[in-house]
C-alpha atoms as a PDB file:
ATOM      1  CA  MET A   1     116.897 105.404  83.179  1.00  0.00           C
ATOM      2  CA  ALA A   2     118.341 103.391  86.092  1.00  0.00           C
ATOM      3  CA  THR A   3     118.830 105.110  89.436  1.00  0.00           C
ATOM      4  CA  SER A   4     121.842 102.914  90.240  1.00  0.00           C
ATOM      5  CA  ALA A   5     124.189 100.461  88.476  1.00  0.00           C
ATOM      6  CA  ALA A   6     124.443  98.344  91.594  1.00  0.00           C
ATOM      7  CA  PRO A   7     121.748  95.705  90.827  1.00  0.00           C
ATOM      8  CA  ALA A   8     123.009  95.062  87.335  1.00  0.00           C
ATOM      9  CA  ALA A   9     126.708  95.056  88.563  1.00  0.00           C
ATOM     10  CA  ILE A  10     125.912  92.405  91.206  1.00  0.00           C
ATOM     11  CA  ASP A  11     124.068  90.266  88.682  1.00  0.00           C
ATOM     12  CA  ALA A  12     126.969  90.490  86.218  1.00  0.00           C
ATOM     13  CA  LEU A  13     129.541  89.708  88.963  1.00  0.00           C
ATOM     14  CA  LEU A  14     127.529  86.578  89.854  1.00  0.00           C
ATOM     15  CA  THR A  15     127.409  85.527  86.181  1.00  0.00           C
ATOM     16  CA  ILE A  16     131.152  86.167  85.577  1.00  0.00           C
ATOM     17  CA  LEU A  17     132.258  84.297  88.694  1.00  0.00           C
ATOM     18  CA  GLY A  18     129.771  81.517  88.059  1.00  0.00           C
ATOM     19  CA  ALA A  19     131.349  80.889  84.654  1.00  0.00           C
ATOM     20  CA  ALA A  20     134.999  81.257  85.752  1.00  0.00           C
ATOM     21  CA  PRO A  21     136.792  77.925  85.168  1.00  0.00           C
ATOM     22  CA  GLY A  22     139.068  78.448  88.132  1.00  0.00           C
ATOM     23  CA  LEU A  23     136.055  78.716  90.473  1.00  0.00           C
ATOM     24  CA  ALA A  24     134.357  75.531  89.282  1.00  0.00           C
ATOM     25  CA  GLY A  25     134.906  73.932  92.714  1.00  0.00           C
ATOM     26  CA  ALA A  26     133.449  76.836  94.685  1.00  0.00           C
ATOM     27  CA  ARG A  27     129.813  77.700  95.289  1.00  0.00           C
ATOM     28  CA  ILE A  28     129.035  81.296  94.292  1.00  0.00           C
ATOM     29  CA  ILE A  29     126.214  82.678  96.470  1.00  0.00           C
ATOM     30  CA  ASP A  30     124.053  85.784  95.984  1.00  0.00           C
ATOM     31  CA  GLY A  31     123.778  87.508  99.397  1.00  0.00           C
ATOM     32  CA  PRO A  32     124.017  86.098 102.860  1.00  0.00           C
ATOM     33  CA  PRO A  33     124.454  82.423 103.608  1.00  0.00           C
ATOM     34  CA  GLY A  34     121.622  79.914 104.147  1.00  0.00           C
ATOM     35  CA  VAL A  35     121.929  77.028 106.567  1.00  0.00           C
ATOM     36  CA  ASN A  36     123.702  74.568 104.232  1.00  0.00           C
ATOM     37  CA  PHE A  37     127.445  74.582 105.116  1.00  0.00           C
ATOM     38  CA  THR A  38     128.394  71.387 103.279  1.00  0.00           C
ATOM     39  CA  GLU A  39     130.312  73.157 100.597  1.00  0.00           C
ATOM     40  CA  ARG A  40     133.948  73.585 101.591  1.00  0.00           C
ATOM     41  CA  LEU A  41     134.686  76.565  99.300  1.00  0.00           C
ATOM     42  CA  ARG A  42     132.213  79.425  98.939  1.00  0.00           C
ATOM     43  CA  ILE A  43     132.168  82.990  97.667  1.00  0.00           C
ATOM     44  CA  TYR A  44     129.389  85.312  98.745  1.00  0.00           C
ATOM     45  CA  ILE A  45     128.493  88.386  96.637  1.00  0.00           C
ATOM     46  CA  GLY A  46     126.757  91.212  98.441  1.00  0.00           C
ATOM     47  CA  TYR A  47     127.558  89.858 101.857  1.00  0.00           C
ATOM     48  CA  SER A  48     130.220  90.179 104.544  1.00  0.00           C
ATOM     49  CA  PRO A  49     129.955  88.681 108.059  1.00  0.00           C
ATOM     50  CA  GLY A  50     129.064  91.114 110.747  1.00  0.00           C
ATOM     51  CA  SER A  51     127.487  93.603 108.378  1.00  0.00           C
ATOM     52  CA  ASP A  52     124.139  94.026 106.771  1.00  0.00           C
ATOM     53  CA  GLN A  53     125.597  96.323 104.093  1.00  0.00           C
ATOM     54  CA  ALA A  54     125.756  94.635 100.633  1.00  0.00           C
ATOM     55  CA  VAL A  55     126.769  97.690  98.554  1.00  0.00           C
ATOM     56  CA  GLU A  56     127.956 101.169  99.403  1.00  0.00           C
ATOM     57  CA  LEU A  57     127.547 103.779  96.636  1.00  0.00           C
ATOM     58  CA  GLN A  58     128.075 107.404  96.058  1.00  0.00           C
ATOM     59  CA  GLN A  59     126.838 109.466  93.137  1.00  0.00           C
ATOM     60  CA  SER A  60     127.626 112.929  91.660  1.00  0.00           C
ATOM     61  CA  PHE A  61     126.756 114.752  88.476  1.00  0.00           C
ATOM     62  CA  ALA A  62     128.994 113.684  85.628  1.00  0.00           C
ATOM     63  CA  ASN A  63     129.063 117.137  83.983  1.00  0.00           C
ATOM     64  CA  ALA A  64     127.268 120.436  83.649  1.00  0.00           C
ATOM     65  CA  GLY A  65     123.632 120.089  82.709  1.00  0.00           C
ATOM     66  CA  ALA A  66     122.984 117.281  85.209  1.00  0.00           C
ATOM     67  CA  ARG A  67     121.933 114.794  82.558  1.00  0.00           C
ATOM     68  CA  ARG A  68     124.295 111.996  83.597  1.00  0.00           C
ATOM     69  CA  ARG A  69     125.619 110.870  86.907  1.00  0.00           C
ATOM     70  CA  ASP A  70     128.785 109.037  87.989  1.00  0.00           C
ATOM     71  CA  GLU A  71     128.407 106.289  90.538  1.00  0.00           C
ATOM     72  CA  ASP A  72     131.222 104.820  92.637  1.00  0.00           C
ATOM     73  CA  GLY A  73     130.255 101.552  94.278  1.00  0.00           C
ATOM     74  CA  LEU A  74     131.764  99.028  96.646  1.00  0.00           C
ATOM     75  CA  ILE A  75     130.296  95.546  96.564  1.00  0.00           C
ATOM     76  CA  ALA A  76     130.908  93.594  99.781  1.00  0.00           C
ATOM     77  CA  CYS A  77     132.136  89.988  99.125  1.00  0.00           C
ATOM     78  CA  TYR A  78     133.347  87.159 101.222  1.00  0.00           C
ATOM     79  CA  ALA A  79     135.310  84.034 100.361  1.00  0.00           C
ATOM     80  CA  GLU A  80     135.703  81.068 102.768  1.00  0.00           C
ATOM     81  CA  ALA A  81     137.431  77.748 102.964  1.00  0.00           C
ATOM     82  CA  ARG A  82     136.658  75.191 105.600  1.00  0.00           C
ATOM     83  CA  GLY A  83     137.595  71.621 106.430  1.00  0.00           C
ATOM     84  CA  GLY A  84     137.320  69.125 109.244  1.00  0.00           C
ATOM     85  CA  ASP A  85     141.080  68.951 109.806  1.00  0.00           C
ATOM     86  CA  LYS A  86     143.389  71.365 111.603  1.00  0.00           C
ATOM     87  CA  ASP A  87     145.432  72.419 108.505  1.00  0.00           C
ATOM     88  CA  MET A  88     145.195  76.258 108.806  1.00  0.00           C
ATOM     89  CA  GLY A  89     147.819  76.846 106.147  1.00  0.00           C
ATOM     90  CA  LEU A  90     145.782  74.835 103.634  1.00  0.00           C
ATOM     91  CA  ARG A  91     142.588  76.784 104.314  1.00  0.00           C
ATOM     92  CA  ARG A  92     144.452  80.102 104.191  1.00  0.00           C
ATOM     93  CA  ASN A  93     146.034  79.193 100.840  1.00  0.00           C
ATOM     94  CA  GLN A  94     142.654  78.021  99.518  1.00  0.00           C
ATOM     95  CA  VAL A  95     140.831  81.222 100.422  1.00  0.00           C
ATOM     96  CA  PHE A  96     143.557  83.383  98.880  1.00  0.00           C
ATOM     97  CA  GLY A  97     143.374  81.129  95.822  1.00  0.00           C
ATOM     98  CA  LEU A  98     139.665  81.922  95.582  1.00  0.00           C
ATOM     99  CA  LEU A  99     140.489  85.658  95.704  1.00  0.00           C
ATOM    100  CA  ALA A 100     143.150  85.218  92.987  1.00  0.00           C
ATOM    101  CA  GLU A 101     140.522  83.554  90.796  1.00  0.00           C
ATOM    102  CA  VAL A 102     138.059  86.434  91.416  1.00  0.00           C
ATOM    103  CA  GLU A 103     140.770  88.912  90.391  1.00  0.00           C
ATOM    104  CA  ASN A 104     141.561  86.846  87.254  1.00  0.00           C
ATOM    105  CA  ALA A 105     137.887  86.706  86.314  1.00  0.00           C
ATOM    106  CA  LEU A 106     137.664  90.506  86.505  1.00  0.00           C
ATOM    107  CA  ARG A 107     140.602  91.001  84.116  1.00  0.00           C
ATOM    108  CA  GLY A 108     139.950  91.638  80.478  1.00  0.00           C
ATOM    109  CA  THR A 109     141.124  88.937  78.088  1.00  0.00           C
ATOM    110  CA  ASP A 110     140.546  88.163  74.400  1.00  0.00           C
ATOM    111  CA  ALA A 111     137.884  85.602  75.473  1.00  0.00           C
ATOM    112  CA  ALA A 112     136.264  87.979  78.033  1.00  0.00           C
ATOM    113  CA  PRO A 113     136.860  91.644  76.974  1.00  0.00           C
ATOM    114  CA  GLU A 114     133.837  92.812  79.015  1.00  0.00           C
ATOM    115  CA  ALA A 115     134.975  91.258  82.342  1.00  0.00           C
ATOM    116  CA  PRO A 116     136.438  94.519  83.847  1.00  0.00           C
ATOM    117  CA  THR A 117     133.169  96.349  82.969  1.00  0.00           C
ATOM    118  CA  LEU A 118     131.071  93.608  84.503  1.00  0.00           C
ATOM    119  CA  ASN A 119     129.650  92.755  81.156  1.00  0.00           C
ATOM    120  CA  GLY A 120     129.101  96.348  80.209  1.00  0.00           C
ATOM    121  CA  THR A 121     127.172  97.359  83.350  1.00  0.00           C
ATOM    122  CA  VAL A 122     129.947  99.688  84.638  1.00  0.00           C
ATOM    123  CA  LEU A 123     132.919 101.597  83.295  1.00  0.00           C
ATOM    124  CA  TRP A 124     135.448  99.538  85.245  1.00  0.00           C
ATOM    125  CA  SER A 125     135.692  97.242  88.333  1.00  0.00           C
ATOM    126  CA  GLU A 126     138.487  95.832  90.485  1.00  0.00           C
ATOM    127  CA  VAL A 127     139.176  94.055  93.758  1.00  0.00           C
ATOM    128  CA  THR A 128     140.317  96.786  96.146  1.00  0.00           C
ATOM    129  CA  THR A 129     140.478  95.535  99.798  1.00  0.00           C
ATOM    130  CA  GLY A 130     140.683  92.329 101.797  1.00  0.00           C
ATOM    131  CA  SER A 131     140.563  91.174 105.438  1.00  0.00           C
ATOM    132  CA  LEU A 132     141.544  87.629 106.541  1.00  0.00           C
ATOM    133  CA  VAL A 133     139.971  85.796 109.514  1.00  0.00           C
ATOM    134  CA  GLN A 134     140.971  82.339 110.774  1.00  0.00           C
ATOM    135  CA  SER A 135     139.386  79.915 113.250  1.00  0.00           C
ATOM    136  CA  GLN A 136     139.946  76.398 114.534  1.00  0.00           C
ATOM    137  CA  GLU A 137     136.394  75.682 115.689  1.00  0.00           C
ATOM    138  CA  ASN A 138     135.128  72.414 114.265  1.00  0.00           C
ATOM    139  CA  GLY A 139     138.159  72.203 111.969  1.00  0.00           C
ATOM    140  CA  ALA A 140     140.255  74.780 110.170  1.00  0.00           C
ATOM    141  CA  TYR A 141     138.432  77.757 108.722  1.00  0.00           C
ATOM    142  CA  ALA A 142     139.699  80.811 106.762  1.00  0.00           C
ATOM    143  CA  GLY A 143     137.505  83.616 105.604  1.00  0.00           C
ATOM    144  CA  LEU A 144     138.475  86.626 103.427  1.00  0.00           C
ATOM    145  CA  GLY A 145     136.268  89.654 103.204  1.00  0.00           C
ATOM    146  CA  PHE A 146     136.965  91.647 100.071  1.00  0.00           C
ATOM    147  CA  THR A 147     135.499  94.527  98.071  1.00  0.00           C
ATOM    148  CA  VAL A 148     134.788  94.812  94.377  1.00  0.00           C
ATOM    149  CA  ALA A 149     134.838  98.537  93.536  1.00  0.00           C
ATOM    150  CA  TYR A 150     133.321  99.941  90.388  1.00  0.00           C
ATOM    151  CA  ARG A 151     132.595 103.176  88.554  1.00  0.00           C
ATOM    152  CA  ALA A 152     129.512 103.595  86.446  1.00  0.00           C
ATOM    153  CA  ARG A 153     127.904 106.320  84.435  1.00  0.00           C
ATOM    154  CA  ILE A 154     124.091 106.397  84.740  1.00  0.00           C
END
């Protein structure tokens, strides 16, 4: 029996976002960034700038008998849009567009009924928080830290 749903939930989130048609132009990255910043649109799963924390989780017994546990998790994520120009509005709209595509990818549809459960690894998931940063160093840059929350029974 698994001690946490977090590893499987992260793997499923990477798979779902990697297959999302609306994110075809973005690079989906597992964990912190490497040194290649040539991609203009990126989404990091299990990473947020300024923090080493990839996932926060809390567990409690699901019921009497202590046979099952409920786990509430928060997966740190970060979307960014960058360009060599000074068009801040464009970068801001692009990064919020990435977040919208993440939210869409986590909604259940006829074609993807398991999306909200991260392909069956959790009971449910959703985007819960966001924080925008903007910069004009070496061109316009917008970054959006967000959290994918989930509940699992282990």
